[in-house]
C-alpha atoms as a PDB file:
ATOM      1  CA  MET A   1       0.813 -21.149   3.359  1.00  0.00           C
ATOM      2  CA  ILE A   2       4.125 -20.936   5.173  1.00  0.00           C
ATOM      3  CA  GLU A   3       4.907 -23.187   7.925  1.00  0.00           C
ATOM      4  CA  GLU A   4       4.712 -21.588  11.349  1.00  0.00           C
ATOM      5  CA  SER A   5       8.279 -22.868  12.289  1.00  0.00           C
ATOM      6  CA  ARG A   6       9.697 -20.252   9.505  1.00  0.00           C
ATOM      7  CA  HIS A   7      10.218 -16.606  10.649  1.00  0.00           C
ATOM      8  CA  LEU A   8       9.071 -14.299   8.726  1.00  0.00           C
ATOM      9  CA  ALA A   9      10.803 -10.750   8.367  1.00  0.00           C
ATOM     10  CA  ILE A  10       8.028  -7.986   7.608  1.00  0.00           C
ATOM     11  CA  GLY A  11       8.946  -4.172   6.776  1.00  0.00           C
ATOM     12  CA  GLY A  12       7.078  -1.394   6.039  1.00  0.00           C
ATOM     13  CA  LEU A  13       8.124   1.589   4.499  1.00  0.00           C
ATOM     14  CA  ILE A  14       7.606   5.306   6.126  1.00  0.00           C
ATOM     15  CA  PHE A  15       7.991   9.009   4.229  1.00  0.00           C
ATOM     16  CA  GLU A  16       7.031  12.373   4.729  1.00  0.00           C
ATOM     17  CA  GLY A  17       3.505  12.842   4.057  1.00  0.00           C
ATOM     18  CA  MET A  18       2.156   9.293   3.935  1.00  0.00           C
ATOM     19  CA  ASP A  19      -1.591   8.512   5.524  1.00  0.00           C
ATOM     20  CA  GLN A  20      -0.614   6.545   8.764  1.00  0.00           C
ATOM     21  CA  ALA A  21      -3.737   4.736   8.552  1.00  0.00           C
ATOM     22  CA  ASP A  22      -2.014   2.921   5.101  1.00  0.00           C
ATOM     23  CA  LEU A  23       0.764   1.526   7.727  1.00  0.00           C
ATOM     24  CA  THR A  24      -0.790   1.076  11.200  1.00  0.00           C
ATOM     25  CA  GLY A  25      -4.527  -0.277   9.868  1.00  0.00           C
ATOM     26  CA  PRO A  26      -2.225  -2.853   8.384  1.00  0.00           C
ATOM     27  CA  PHE A  27       0.433  -3.042  11.162  1.00  0.00           C
ATOM     28  CA  GLU A  28      -2.176  -4.115  13.881  1.00  0.00           C
ATOM     29  CA  VAL A  29      -2.950  -7.402  11.775  1.00  0.00           C
ATOM     30  CA  LEU A  30       0.846  -8.041  10.538  1.00  0.00           C
ATOM     31  CA  SER A  31       2.349  -7.592  13.449  1.00  0.00           C
ATOM     32  CA  ARG A  32       0.238 -10.163  15.103  1.00  0.00           C
ATOM     33  CA  ILE A  33       1.018 -12.799  12.530  1.00  0.00           C
ATOM     34  CA  PRO A  34       3.050 -15.619  14.674  1.00  0.00           C
ATOM     35  CA  ASN A  35       6.611 -15.877  14.011  1.00  0.00           C
ATOM     36  CA  SER A  36       7.268 -13.015  12.284  1.00  0.00           C
ATOM     37  CA  LYS A  37       8.902  -9.621  13.114  1.00  0.00           C
ATOM     38  CA  TYR A  38       7.580  -6.158  11.510  1.00  0.00           C
ATOM     39  CA  THR A  39       9.920  -3.479  11.269  1.00  0.00           C
ATOM     40  CA  ILE A  40       9.510   0.013  10.063  1.00  0.00           C
ATOM     41  CA  TYR A  41      11.909   1.383   7.591  1.00  0.00           C
ATOM     42  CA  GLY A  42      12.828   5.161   6.506  1.00  0.00           C
ATOM     43  CA  LEU A  43      14.805   7.314   4.343  1.00  0.00           C
ATOM     44  CA  SER A  44      16.575   8.562   7.132  1.00  0.00           C
ATOM     45  CA  ASP A  45      16.586   7.914  11.039  1.00  0.00           C
ATOM     46  CA  LYS A  46      14.523  10.875  11.391  1.00  0.00           C
ATOM     47  CA  PRO A  47      10.841  10.793  12.265  1.00  0.00           C
ATOM     48  CA  VAL A  48       8.428  11.801   9.835  1.00  0.00           C
ATOM     49  CA  ARG A  49       4.543  13.494   9.866  1.00  0.00           C
ATOM     50  CA  ASP A  50       1.909  12.061   7.962  1.00  0.00           C
ATOM     51  CA  MET A  51      -0.334  14.140   6.096  1.00  0.00           C
ATOM     52  CA  ARG A  52      -2.534  15.252   9.372  1.00  0.00           C
ATOM     53  CA  GLY A  53       0.561  15.667  11.435  1.00  0.00           C
ATOM     54  CA  LEU A  54       1.117  12.366  13.081  1.00  0.00           C
ATOM     55  CA  ILE A  55       4.446  11.641  13.903  1.00  0.00           C
ATOM     56  CA  LEU A  56       6.042   8.172  12.912  1.00  0.00           C
ATOM     57  CA  THR A  57       9.481   7.192  13.653  1.00  0.00           C
ATOM     58  CA  PRO A  58      11.420   4.518  11.719  1.00  0.00           C
ATOM     59  CA  ASP A  59      13.559   1.467  13.409  1.00  0.00           C
ATOM     60  CA  GLU A  60      15.872   1.526  10.876  1.00  0.00           C
ATOM     61  CA  VAL A  61      16.680   3.268   7.547  1.00  0.00           C
ATOM     62  CA  ILE A  62      15.844   1.637   4.237  1.00  0.00           C
ATOM     63  CA  GLU A  63      19.781   1.042   3.335  1.00  0.00           C
ATOM     64  CA  ASN A  64      20.121  -1.493   6.028  1.00  0.00           C
ATOM     65  CA  ALA A  65      16.808  -3.704   5.511  1.00  0.00           C
ATOM     66  CA  PRO A  66      17.591  -7.187   5.420  1.00  0.00           C
ATOM     67  CA  LYS A  67      15.713  -9.311   2.507  1.00  0.00           C
ATOM     68  CA  LEU A  68      11.933  -8.756   3.706  1.00  0.00           C
ATOM     69  CA  ASP A  69       9.720 -11.520   3.279  1.00  0.00           C
ATOM     70  CA  ILE A  70       6.870  -9.373   3.336  1.00  0.00           C
ATOM     71  CA  LEU A  71       7.191  -5.819   1.844  1.00  0.00           C
ATOM     72  CA  HIS A  72       4.548  -3.326   2.954  1.00  0.00           C
ATOM     73  CA  ILE A  73       4.360   0.077   0.722  1.00  0.00           C
ATOM     74  CA  PRO A  74       1.528   2.380   2.165  1.00  0.00           C
ATOM     75  CA  GLY A  75       0.377   5.570   0.173  1.00  0.00           C
ATOM     76  CA  GLY A  76      -0.706   9.166   1.283  1.00  0.00           C
ATOM     77  CA  PRO A  77      -0.157  12.383  -0.555  1.00  0.00           C
ATOM     78  CA  GLY A  78       3.797  11.954   0.338  1.00  0.00           C
ATOM     79  CA  GLN A  79       3.839   9.448  -2.243  1.00  0.00           C
ATOM     80  CA  GLU A  80       3.908  11.649  -5.472  1.00  0.00           C
ATOM     81  CA  ALA A  81       7.416  13.105  -3.520  1.00  0.00           C
ATOM     82  CA  LEU A  82       8.943   9.628  -3.788  1.00  0.00           C
ATOM     83  CA  MET A  83       7.868   8.708  -7.629  1.00  0.00           C
ATOM     84  CA  GLU A  84      11.402   9.717  -8.961  1.00  0.00           C
ATOM     85  CA  ASN A  85      13.329   8.877  -5.794  1.00  0.00           C
ATOM     86  CA  ASN A  86      15.891   6.460  -7.283  1.00  0.00           C
ATOM     87  CA  ALA A  87      16.819   5.222  -3.327  1.00  0.00           C
ATOM     88  CA  VAL A  88      13.208   4.670  -2.566  1.00  0.00           C
ATOM     89  CA  LEU A  89      12.537   2.952  -6.242  1.00  0.00           C
ATOM     90  CA  ASP A  90      15.700   0.606  -6.013  1.00  0.00           C
ATOM     91  CA  PHE A  91      14.729  -0.510  -2.452  1.00  0.00           C
ATOM     92  CA  ILE A  92      11.224  -1.532  -3.994  1.00  0.00           C
ATOM     93  CA  ARG A  93      12.559  -3.480  -6.727  1.00  0.00           C
ATOM     94  CA  LYS A  94      15.179  -5.112  -4.854  1.00  0.00           C
ATOM     95  CA  GLN A  95      13.022  -6.159  -1.521  1.00  0.00           C
ATOM     96  CA  SER A  96       9.792  -7.198  -4.058  1.00  0.00           C
ATOM     97  CA  GLU A  97      12.494  -9.787  -6.227  1.00  0.00           C
ATOM     98  CA  ASN A  98      12.724 -12.242  -3.326  1.00  0.00           C
ATOM     99  CA  ALA A  99       9.781 -11.240  -1.115  1.00  0.00           C
ATOM    100  CA  GLU A 100       7.316 -13.615  -0.721  1.00  0.00           C
ATOM    101  CA  LEU A 101       4.525 -11.152  -0.585  1.00  0.00           C
ATOM    102  CA  VAL A 102       4.519  -7.758  -1.505  1.00  0.00           C
ATOM    103  CA  PHE A 103       1.445  -5.517  -0.115  1.00  0.00           C
ATOM    104  CA  SER A 104       0.636  -2.091  -1.559  1.00  0.00           C
ATOM    105  CA  VAL A 105      -2.273  -0.210   0.303  1.00  0.00           C
ATOM    106  CA  CYS A 106      -3.710   2.706  -1.419  1.00  0.00           C
ATOM    107  CA  THR A 107      -1.447   5.231  -3.764  1.00  0.00           C
ATOM    108  CA  GLY A 108       1.321   2.639  -3.029  1.00  0.00           C
ATOM    109  CA  ALA A 109       0.361   1.068  -5.636  1.00  0.00           C
ATOM    110  CA  LEU A 110       1.440   4.137  -7.569  1.00  0.00           C
ATOM    111  CA  LEU A 111       5.018   3.699  -6.109  1.00  0.00           C
ATOM    112  CA  LEU A 112       5.124   0.049  -7.260  1.00  0.00           C
ATOM    113  CA  GLY A 113       4.095   1.613 -10.654  1.00  0.00           C
ATOM    114  CA  ALA A 114       6.970   4.021 -10.366  1.00  0.00           C
ATOM    115  CA  ALA A 115       9.301   1.107 -10.017  1.00  0.00           C
ATOM    116  CA  GLY A 116       7.954  -0.492 -13.230  1.00  0.00           C
ATOM    117  CA  LEU A 117       6.126  -3.590 -11.119  1.00  0.00           C
ATOM    118  CA  LEU A 118       2.901  -2.980 -12.026  1.00  0.00           C
ATOM    119  CA  ARG A 119       3.713  -4.041 -16.095  1.00  0.00           C
ATOM    120  CA  GLY A 120       0.929  -6.626 -16.808  1.00  0.00           C
ATOM    121  CA  LYS A 121      -0.784  -6.905 -13.178  1.00  0.00           C
ATOM    122  CA  ARG A 122      -3.992  -6.867 -11.940  1.00  0.00           C
ATOM    123  CA  ALA A 123      -4.119  -3.893  -9.453  1.00  0.00           C
ATOM    124  CA  THR A 124      -5.635  -1.584  -7.665  1.00  0.00           C
ATOM    125  CA  THR A 125      -5.566   1.647  -5.586  1.00  0.00           C
ATOM    126  CA  HIS A 126      -7.436   4.744  -4.247  1.00  0.00           C
ATOM    127  CA  TRP A 127     -10.536   5.408  -6.333  1.00  0.00           C
ATOM    128  CA  ALA A 128      -9.282   9.182  -6.581  1.00  0.00           C
ATOM    129  CA  SER A 129      -6.129   7.452  -8.439  1.00  0.00           C
ATOM    130  CA  PHE A 130      -7.530   4.086  -9.787  1.00  0.00           C
ATOM    131  CA  ASP A 131      -7.750   5.509 -13.267  1.00  0.00           C
ATOM    132  CA  LEU A 132      -3.814   6.079 -13.796  1.00  0.00           C
ATOM    133  CA  LEU A 133      -2.964   2.174 -12.894  1.00  0.00           C
ATOM    134  CA  PRO A 134      -2.750   1.741 -17.197  1.00  0.00           C
ATOM    135  CA  MET A 135      -0.256   4.082 -17.339  1.00  0.00           C
ATOM    136  CA  PHE A 136       2.141   1.966 -15.206  1.00  0.00           C
ATOM    137  CA  GLY A 137       0.701  -0.995 -16.943  1.00  0.00           C
ATOM    138  CA  ALA A 138      -1.461  -2.266 -14.885  1.00  0.00           C
ATOM    139  CA  VAL A 139      -4.849  -3.815 -15.208  1.00  0.00           C
ATOM    140  CA  PRO A 140      -7.146  -1.755 -13.383  1.00  0.00           C
ATOM    141  CA  ILE A 141      -9.788  -3.927 -11.230  1.00  0.00           C
ATOM    142  CA  ASP A 142     -11.824  -2.029  -9.068  1.00  0.00           C
ATOM    143  CA  GLU A 143     -12.468  -4.139  -5.779  1.00  0.00           C
ATOM    144  CA  ARG A 144     -11.262  -3.555  -2.522  1.00  0.00           C
ATOM    145  CA  VAL A 145      -8.441  -5.967  -2.418  1.00  0.00           C
ATOM    146  CA  VAL A 146      -6.827  -7.745  -5.716  1.00  0.00           C
ATOM    147  CA  ILE A 147      -4.239 -10.459  -5.772  1.00  0.00           C
ATOM    148  CA  ASP A 148      -1.951 -10.809  -8.534  1.00  0.00           C
ATOM    149  CA  GLY A 149       0.669 -14.012  -7.856  1.00  0.00           C
ATOM    150  CA  LYS A 150       2.767 -12.533  -4.765  1.00  0.00           C
ATOM    151  CA  PHE A 151       1.383  -8.704  -5.349  1.00  0.00           C
ATOM    152  CA  VAL A 152      -1.471  -8.098  -2.635  1.00  0.00           C
ATOM    153  CA  PHE A 153      -2.913  -4.606  -3.544  1.00  0.00           C
ATOM    154  CA  ALA A 154      -5.410  -2.910  -1.064  1.00  0.00           C
ATOM    155  CA  SER A 155      -7.766  -0.085  -2.508  1.00  0.00           C
ATOM    156  CA  GLY A 156      -7.910   2.983  -0.435  1.00  0.00           C
ATOM    157  CA  VAL A 157      -7.098   3.204   3.436  1.00  0.00           C
ATOM    158  CA  THR A 158      -9.293   1.321   5.503  1.00  0.00           C
ATOM    159  CA  SER A 159      -8.766  -1.499   3.004  1.00  0.00           C
ATOM    160  CA  GLY A 160      -5.455  -2.119   4.373  1.00  0.00           C
ATOM    161  CA  LEU A 161      -7.351  -4.033   7.027  1.00  0.00           C
ATOM    162  CA  ASP A 162      -8.789  -6.493   4.675  1.00  0.00           C
ATOM    163  CA  GLY A 163      -5.569  -6.552   2.593  1.00  0.00           C
ATOM    164  CA  ALA A 164      -3.646  -7.442   5.339  1.00  0.00           C
ATOM    165  CA  LEU A 165      -6.021  -9.998   6.679  1.00  0.00           C
ATOM    166  CA  VAL A 166      -5.803 -11.613   3.204  1.00  0.00           C
ATOM    167  CA  VAL A 167      -1.912 -11.582   4.119  1.00  0.00           C
ATOM    168  CA  ALA A 168      -2.199 -13.113   7.032  1.00  0.00           C
ATOM    169  CA  SER A 169      -4.319 -15.792   5.623  1.00  0.00           C
ATOM    170  CA  ILE A 170      -1.759 -16.732   2.786  1.00  0.00           C
ATOM    171  CA  LEU A 171       0.970 -16.935   5.199  1.00  0.00           C
ATOM    172  CA  ARG A 172      -0.258 -18.542   7.838  1.00  0.00           C
ATOM    173  CA  GLY A 173      -3.997 -20.341   6.857  1.00  0.00           C
ATOM    174  CA  ASP A 174      -7.395 -18.765   7.534  1.00  0.00           C
ATOM    175  CA  GLU A 175      -7.531 -19.894  11.156  1.00  0.00           C
ATOM    176  CA  THR A 176      -4.721 -17.769  12.281  1.00  0.00           C
ATOM    177  CA  ALA A 177      -6.030 -14.584  10.427  1.00  0.00           C
ATOM    178  CA  GLN A 178      -9.745 -15.151  11.657  1.00  0.00           C
ATOM    179  CA  VAL A 179      -8.142 -15.086  14.972  1.00  0.00           C
ATOM    180  CA  ILE A 180      -6.334 -11.699  14.306  1.00  0.00           C
ATOM    181  CA  GLN A 181      -9.404 -10.625  13.058  1.00  0.00           C
ATOM    182  CA  LEU A 182     -11.126 -11.545  16.333  1.00  0.00           C
ATOM    183  CA  ALA A 183      -8.774 -10.055  18.613  1.00  0.00           C
ATOM    184  CA  LEU A 184      -8.972  -6.864  16.761  1.00  0.00           C
ATOM    185  CA  GLN A 185     -13.002  -7.098  16.854  1.00  0.00           C
ATOM    186  CA  TYR A 186     -12.913  -5.938  13.671  1.00  0.00           C
ATOM    187  CA  SER A 187     -16.513  -6.199  12.532  1.00  0.00           C
ATOM    188  CA  PRO A 188     -17.380  -3.156  10.707  1.00  0.00           C
ATOM    189  CA  GLU A 189     -20.904  -1.595  10.403  1.00  0.00           C
ATOM    190  CA  PRO A 190     -20.308   1.774   8.919  1.00  0.00           C
ATOM    191  CA  PRO A 191     -23.000   4.669  10.161  1.00  0.00           C
ATOM    192  CA  PHE A 192     -22.939   5.958   6.495  1.00  0.00           C
ATOM    193  CA  PHE A 193     -22.875   3.876   2.956  1.00  0.00           C
ATOM    194  CA  ALA A 194     -20.405   6.571   1.352  1.00  0.00           C
ATOM    195  CA  GLY A 195     -17.194   5.096   1.253  1.00  0.00           C
ATOM    196  CA  THR A 196     -16.884   4.197  -2.457  1.00  0.00           C
ATOM    197  CA  PRO A 197     -17.930   6.541  -5.217  1.00  0.00           C
ATOM    198  CA  ALA A 198     -20.868   4.245  -6.552  1.00  0.00           C
ATOM    199  CA  GLU A 199     -22.205   4.293  -2.651  1.00  0.00           C
ATOM    200  CA  ALA A 200     -21.823   8.197  -1.939  1.00  0.00           C
ATOM    201  CA  PRO A 201     -24.360  10.644  -2.824  1.00  0.00           C
ATOM    202  CA  LYS A 202     -23.512  12.805  -5.490  1.00  0.00           C
ATOM    203  CA  ALA A 203     -23.037  16.372  -3.439  1.00  0.00           C
ATOM    204  CA  VAL A 204     -20.476  14.091  -1.166  1.00  0.00           C
ATOM    205  CA  LEU A 205     -18.567  12.703  -4.343  1.00  0.00           C
ATOM    206  CA  GLU A 206     -18.275  16.113  -5.850  1.00  0.00           C
ATOM    207  CA  LYS A 207     -16.838  17.602  -2.909  1.00  0.00           C
ATOM    208  CA  ALA A 208     -14.706  14.775  -2.471  1.00  0.00           C
ATOM    209  CA  ARG A 209     -13.259  14.959  -6.015  1.00  0.00           C
ATOM    210  CA  ALA A 210     -12.748  18.923  -5.113  1.00  0.00           C
ATOM    211  CA  GLU A 211     -10.618  18.016  -2.200  1.00  0.00           C
ATOM    212  CA  PHE A 212      -8.204  15.495  -4.474  1.00  0.00           C
ATOM    213  CA  LYS A 213      -8.221  17.834  -7.580  1.00  0.00           C
ATOM    214  CA  ASP A 214      -5.395  19.167  -7.035  1.00  0.00           C
ATOM    215  CA  ILE A 215      -2.976  16.064  -6.016  1.00  0.00           C
ATOM    216  CA  VAL A 216      -4.596  13.695  -8.688  1.00  0.00           C
ATOM    217  CA  GLU A 217      -3.560  16.192 -11.330  1.00  0.00           C
ATOM    218  CA  ARG A 218       0.186  16.039 -10.040  1.00  0.00           C
ATOM    219  CA  ARG A 219      -0.076  12.371 -10.351  1.00  0.00           C
ATOM    220  CA  LYS A 220      -1.121  12.393 -13.549  1.00  0.00           C
ATOM    221  CA  ILE A 221       1.451  14.360 -15.030  1.00  0.00           C
ATOM    222  CA  THR A 222       3.933  12.403 -12.893  1.00  0.00           C
ATOM    223  CA  ALA A 223       2.142   9.316 -14.049  1.00  0.00           C
ATOM    224  CA  ARG A 224       2.706  10.378 -17.731  1.00  0.00           C
ATOM    225  CA  LYS A 225       6.282  11.017 -17.329  1.00  0.00           C
ATOM    226  CA  ILE A 226       6.941   7.503 -16.147  1.00  0.00           C
ATOM    227  CA  ALA A 227       4.996   6.007 -18.700  1.00  0.00           C
ATOM    228  CA  GLU A 228       7.303   7.508 -21.219  1.00  0.00           C
ATOM    229  CA  LYS A 229      10.225   6.386 -18.974  1.00  0.00           C
ATOM    230  CA  ILE A 230       9.536   2.671 -18.474  1.00  0.00           C
ATOM    231  CA  GLY A 231       8.000   2.677 -22.566  1.00  0.00           C
ATOM    232  CA  ILE A 232       4.293   2.338 -21.784  1.00  0.00           C
ATOM    233  CA  ALA A 233       2.113   3.910 -24.909  1.00  0.00           C
ATOM    234  CA  TYR A 234      -0.540   5.977 -23.308  1.00  0.00           C
END
């Protein structure tokens, strides 16, 4: 736990085609951490559209980011276009080196992998891309939130809320995290039990897999290319 007297700089990355919930869900939690400031960083100062068309505007560009205490990397289909973007990967590497915590949500984990940061790490990501983790040298763990040292991984989209509460707990203690949880009235009671491949009815799982098929194939090609580049036999 870090003393509340120490100010924390938290930064999240936004990009075209991201899943806004990977950012905004955790933002609800992280922006409430006492004595902290959450800043949204973009590749440029222009607004971006998330995968469903929601417009998001950065506070600042990645080149101007100070040393961050907490780095938050969301995912979504737009992650694929950044897997070989040197400016983004350098930003992630530089900030991860000195950050207290690095927090990825969904396929944000694949961006950490492309930056060479998953080697030997226990990690998770969205179920549709979970099998790609070993290509980046990671040890895949099928859990909603996985912690390995200063890295915190949330599996898919809504798990970002769980991961962010874990981050808040690590930084400021369990009570602070619980106060935030209560403020958000976060006590999930889903109307259906179809939130994981293990729970979902067979027909639902087949439809979901069909929906993700094209992007998963593209991710697989990219993952193999990066595995070769960073020297991981797969």
